[in-house]
């Protein structure tokens, strides 16, 4: 079994989803109080990203053949902009959430709740 990557609190933002170390099948949303002391490091692990996460965040699969690239990307529209990302650009759910926030200024919300036993 692969060792879980250690959380680095500086990579996390309020609103990021993480999984409990004590119950990896459950996840929760980080709040301001989670950043006190070493609580994050002791309590949570990052959530590995898979296709289901992209779809549950409202991305759609899109086959692309242009500019020397051919393959599957995930796309999601926000306002007048379409954001396209390659799955392998992200290792963890919080990285996708942070990318979305950095580019749109809004939190990426799950459209389908409880699929990964997440709670707010």
C-alpha atoms as a PDB file:
ATOM      1  CA  UNK A   1       0.000   0.000   0.000  1.00  0.00           C
ATOM      2  CA  UNK A   2       1.277   3.430  -0.939  1.00  0.00           C
ATOM      3  CA  UNK A   3       2.033   5.802   1.927  1.00  0.00           C
ATOM      4  CA  UNK A   4      -0.457   8.685   2.047  1.00  0.00           C
ATOM      5  CA  UNK A   5       1.040  12.046   1.123  1.00  0.00           C
ATOM      6  CA  UNK A   6       1.493  14.280   4.125  1.00  0.00           C
ATOM      7  CA  UNK A   7      -0.788  17.312   4.291  1.00  0.00           C
ATOM      8  CA  UNK A   8       0.894  20.659   4.087  1.00  0.00           C
ATOM      9  CA  UNK A   9      -1.404  23.229   5.726  1.00  0.00           C
ATOM     10  CA  UNK A  10      -0.122  25.952   3.388  1.00  0.00           C
ATOM     11  CA  UNK A  11      -1.700  24.071   0.453  1.00  0.00           C
ATOM     12  CA  UNK A  12      -5.146  24.111   2.033  1.00  0.00           C
ATOM     13  CA  UNK A  13      -7.784  26.764   2.099  1.00  0.00           C
ATOM     14  CA  UNK A  14     -10.985  27.108   4.061  1.00  0.00           C
ATOM     15  CA  UNK A  15     -13.604  25.126   2.155  1.00  0.00           C
ATOM     16  CA  UNK A  16     -11.257  22.384   0.905  1.00  0.00           C
ATOM     17  CA  UNK A  17     -12.435  18.799   1.231  1.00  0.00           C
ATOM     18  CA  UNK A  18     -10.214  16.334   3.132  1.00  0.00           C
ATOM     19  CA  UNK A  19     -10.685  12.787   4.425  1.00  0.00           C
ATOM     20  CA  UNK A  20     -10.467  11.669   8.031  1.00  0.00           C
ATOM     21  CA  UNK A  21      -7.390   9.626   8.895  1.00  0.00           C
ATOM     22  CA  UNK A  22      -9.524   7.572  11.278  1.00  0.00           C
ATOM     23  CA  UNK A  23     -12.136   6.817   8.577  1.00  0.00           C
ATOM     24  CA  UNK A  24     -10.797   7.347   5.011  1.00  0.00           C
ATOM     25  CA  UNK A  25     -14.280   6.689   3.586  1.00  0.00           C
ATOM     26  CA  UNK A  26     -15.511   9.932   5.188  1.00  0.00           C
ATOM     27  CA  UNK A  27     -14.562  13.447   4.251  1.00  0.00           C
ATOM     28  CA  UNK A  28     -15.313  16.924   5.522  1.00  0.00           C
ATOM     29  CA  UNK A  29     -14.846  20.572   4.650  1.00  0.00           C
ATOM     30  CA  UNK A  30     -12.036  22.514   6.309  1.00  0.00           C
ATOM     31  CA  UNK A  31     -13.130  25.460   8.435  1.00  0.00           C
ATOM     32  CA  UNK A  32     -11.120  28.288   9.967  1.00  0.00           C
ATOM     33  CA  UNK A  33     -10.768  26.446  13.275  1.00  0.00           C
ATOM     34  CA  UNK A  34      -9.070  23.494  11.532  1.00  0.00           C
ATOM     35  CA  UNK A  35      -6.009  25.658  10.889  1.00  0.00           C
ATOM     36  CA  UNK A  36      -5.199  26.101  14.578  1.00  0.00           C
ATOM     37  CA  UNK A  37      -2.063  24.258  15.725  1.00  0.00           C
ATOM     38  CA  UNK A  38      -1.341  20.961  13.973  1.00  0.00           C
ATOM     39  CA  UNK A  39      -4.977  19.821  13.869  1.00  0.00           C
ATOM     40  CA  UNK A  40      -5.046  19.340  10.090  1.00  0.00           C
ATOM     41  CA  UNK A  41      -1.893  17.238  10.031  1.00  0.00           C
ATOM     42  CA  UNK A  42      -3.078  15.024  12.892  1.00  0.00           C
ATOM     43  CA  UNK A  43      -6.664  14.571  11.719  1.00  0.00           C
ATOM     44  CA  UNK A  44      -6.885  14.611   7.910  1.00  0.00           C
ATOM     45  CA  UNK A  45      -5.398  13.240   4.702  1.00  0.00           C
ATOM     46  CA  UNK A  46      -5.752  14.665   1.196  1.00  0.00           C
ATOM     47  CA  UNK A  47      -8.397  13.002  -0.980  1.00  0.00           C
ATOM     48  CA  UNK A  48      -7.037  11.321  -4.130  1.00  0.00           C
ATOM     49  CA  UNK A  49      -8.920  12.618  -7.159  1.00  0.00           C
ATOM     50  CA  UNK A  50     -10.693  10.356  -9.629  1.00  0.00           C
ATOM     51  CA  UNK A  51     -13.201  10.738 -12.462  1.00  0.00           C
ATOM     52  CA  UNK A  52     -16.158  10.718 -10.081  1.00  0.00           C
ATOM     53  CA  UNK A  53     -14.943  13.855  -8.311  1.00  0.00           C
ATOM     54  CA  UNK A  54     -14.764  15.822 -11.563  1.00  0.00           C
ATOM     55  CA  UNK A  55     -18.288  14.755 -12.500  1.00  0.00           C
ATOM     56  CA  UNK A  56     -19.681  15.473  -9.018  1.00  0.00           C
ATOM     57  CA  UNK A  57     -18.222  18.985  -9.190  1.00  0.00           C
ATOM     58  CA  UNK A  58     -20.129  19.529 -12.442  1.00  0.00           C
ATOM     59  CA  UNK A  59     -17.367  18.976 -14.991  1.00  0.00           C
ATOM     60  CA  UNK A  60     -18.195  17.070 -18.155  1.00  0.00           C
ATOM     61  CA  UNK A  61     -15.934  14.788 -20.162  1.00  0.00           C
ATOM     62  CA  UNK A  62     -14.839  16.351 -23.399  1.00  0.00           C
ATOM     63  CA  UNK A  63     -12.799  14.704 -26.134  1.00  0.00           C
ATOM     64  CA  UNK A  64     -10.250  17.121 -27.614  1.00  0.00           C
ATOM     65  CA  UNK A  65      -8.254  16.903 -30.838  1.00  0.00           C
ATOM     66  CA  UNK A  66      -6.486  20.198 -31.455  1.00  0.00           C
ATOM     67  CA  UNK A  67      -3.169  22.000 -31.127  1.00  0.00           C
ATOM     68  CA  UNK A  68      -1.186  18.786 -31.012  1.00  0.00           C
ATOM     69  CA  UNK A  69      -3.244  17.379 -28.138  1.00  0.00           C
ATOM     70  CA  UNK A  70      -5.601  14.467 -28.416  1.00  0.00           C
ATOM     71  CA  UNK A  71      -7.351  13.088 -25.383  1.00  0.00           C
ATOM     72  CA  UNK A  72      -9.984  13.471 -22.741  1.00  0.00           C
ATOM     73  CA  UNK A  73     -10.326  16.612 -20.645  1.00  0.00           C
ATOM     74  CA  UNK A  74     -12.892  17.778 -18.132  1.00  0.00           C
ATOM     75  CA  UNK A  75     -14.715  21.000 -18.889  1.00  0.00           C
ATOM     76  CA  UNK A  76     -16.933  23.277 -16.814  1.00  0.00           C
ATOM     77  CA  UNK A  77     -18.454  26.593 -17.740  1.00  0.00           C
ATOM     78  CA  UNK A  78     -18.484  29.545 -15.388  1.00  0.00           C
ATOM     79  CA  UNK A  79     -19.989  32.768 -16.673  1.00  0.00           C
ATOM     80  CA  UNK A  80     -18.793  33.254 -20.228  1.00  0.00           C
ATOM     81  CA  UNK A  81     -15.650  31.162 -19.749  1.00  0.00           C
ATOM     82  CA  UNK A  82     -15.128  27.451 -20.295  1.00  0.00           C
ATOM     83  CA  UNK A  83     -12.456  25.885 -18.098  1.00  0.00           C
ATOM     84  CA  UNK A  84     -10.804  22.730 -19.416  1.00  0.00           C
ATOM     85  CA  UNK A  85      -8.477  20.635 -17.275  1.00  0.00           C
ATOM     86  CA  UNK A  86      -6.624  17.389 -17.740  1.00  0.00           C
ATOM     87  CA  UNK A  87      -7.261  14.823 -15.025  1.00  0.00           C
ATOM     88  CA  UNK A  88      -3.574  14.134 -14.509  1.00  0.00           C
ATOM     89  CA  UNK A  89      -2.935  17.826 -13.717  1.00  0.00           C
ATOM     90  CA  UNK A  90      -4.369  17.152 -10.247  1.00  0.00           C
ATOM     91  CA  UNK A  91      -3.437  14.534  -7.706  1.00  0.00           C
ATOM     92  CA  UNK A  92      -5.876  15.564  -4.972  1.00  0.00           C
ATOM     93  CA  UNK A  93      -9.365  17.061  -4.724  1.00  0.00           C
ATOM     94  CA  UNK A  94      -8.163  20.182  -2.883  1.00  0.00           C
ATOM     95  CA  UNK A  95      -5.811  20.990  -5.791  1.00  0.00           C
ATOM     96  CA  UNK A  96      -8.776  21.115  -8.183  1.00  0.00           C
ATOM     97  CA  UNK A  97     -10.724  23.195  -5.668  1.00  0.00           C
ATOM     98  CA  UNK A  98      -7.819  25.657  -5.338  1.00  0.00           C
ATOM     99  CA  UNK A  99      -7.358  25.862  -9.126  1.00  0.00           C
ATOM    100  CA  UNK A 100     -11.039  26.692  -9.539  1.00  0.00           C
ATOM    101  CA  UNK A 101     -10.962  29.357  -6.816  1.00  0.00           C
ATOM    102  CA  UNK A 102      -7.791  30.955  -8.207  1.00  0.00           C
ATOM    103  CA  UNK A 103      -9.352  31.217 -11.670  1.00  0.00           C
ATOM    104  CA  UNK A 104     -12.954  32.129 -10.821  1.00  0.00           C
ATOM    105  CA  UNK A 105     -12.864  33.624  -7.325  1.00  0.00           C
ATOM    106  CA  UNK A 106     -15.620  31.242  -6.143  1.00  0.00           C
ATOM    107  CA  UNK A 107     -15.585  27.959  -4.261  1.00  0.00           C
ATOM    108  CA  UNK A 108     -16.063  24.814  -6.325  1.00  0.00           C
ATOM    109  CA  UNK A 109     -19.229  23.190  -4.991  1.00  0.00           C
ATOM    110  CA  UNK A 110     -20.227  19.539  -5.091  1.00  0.00           C
ATOM    111  CA  UNK A 111     -23.358  19.149  -7.186  1.00  0.00           C
ATOM    112  CA  UNK A 112     -23.950  15.620  -5.933  1.00  0.00           C
ATOM    113  CA  UNK A 113     -23.647  15.439  -2.136  1.00  0.00           C
ATOM    114  CA  UNK A 114     -22.814  12.361  -0.060  1.00  0.00           C
ATOM    115  CA  UNK A 115     -21.344  10.509  -3.037  1.00  0.00           C
ATOM    116  CA  UNK A 116     -18.073  10.338  -1.134  1.00  0.00           C
ATOM    117  CA  UNK A 117     -19.695  10.559   2.306  1.00  0.00           C
ATOM    118  CA  UNK A 118     -18.768  14.220   2.621  1.00  0.00           C
ATOM    119  CA  UNK A 119     -20.279  16.455   5.241  1.00  0.00           C
ATOM    120  CA  UNK A 120     -20.232  20.207   5.603  1.00  0.00           C
END
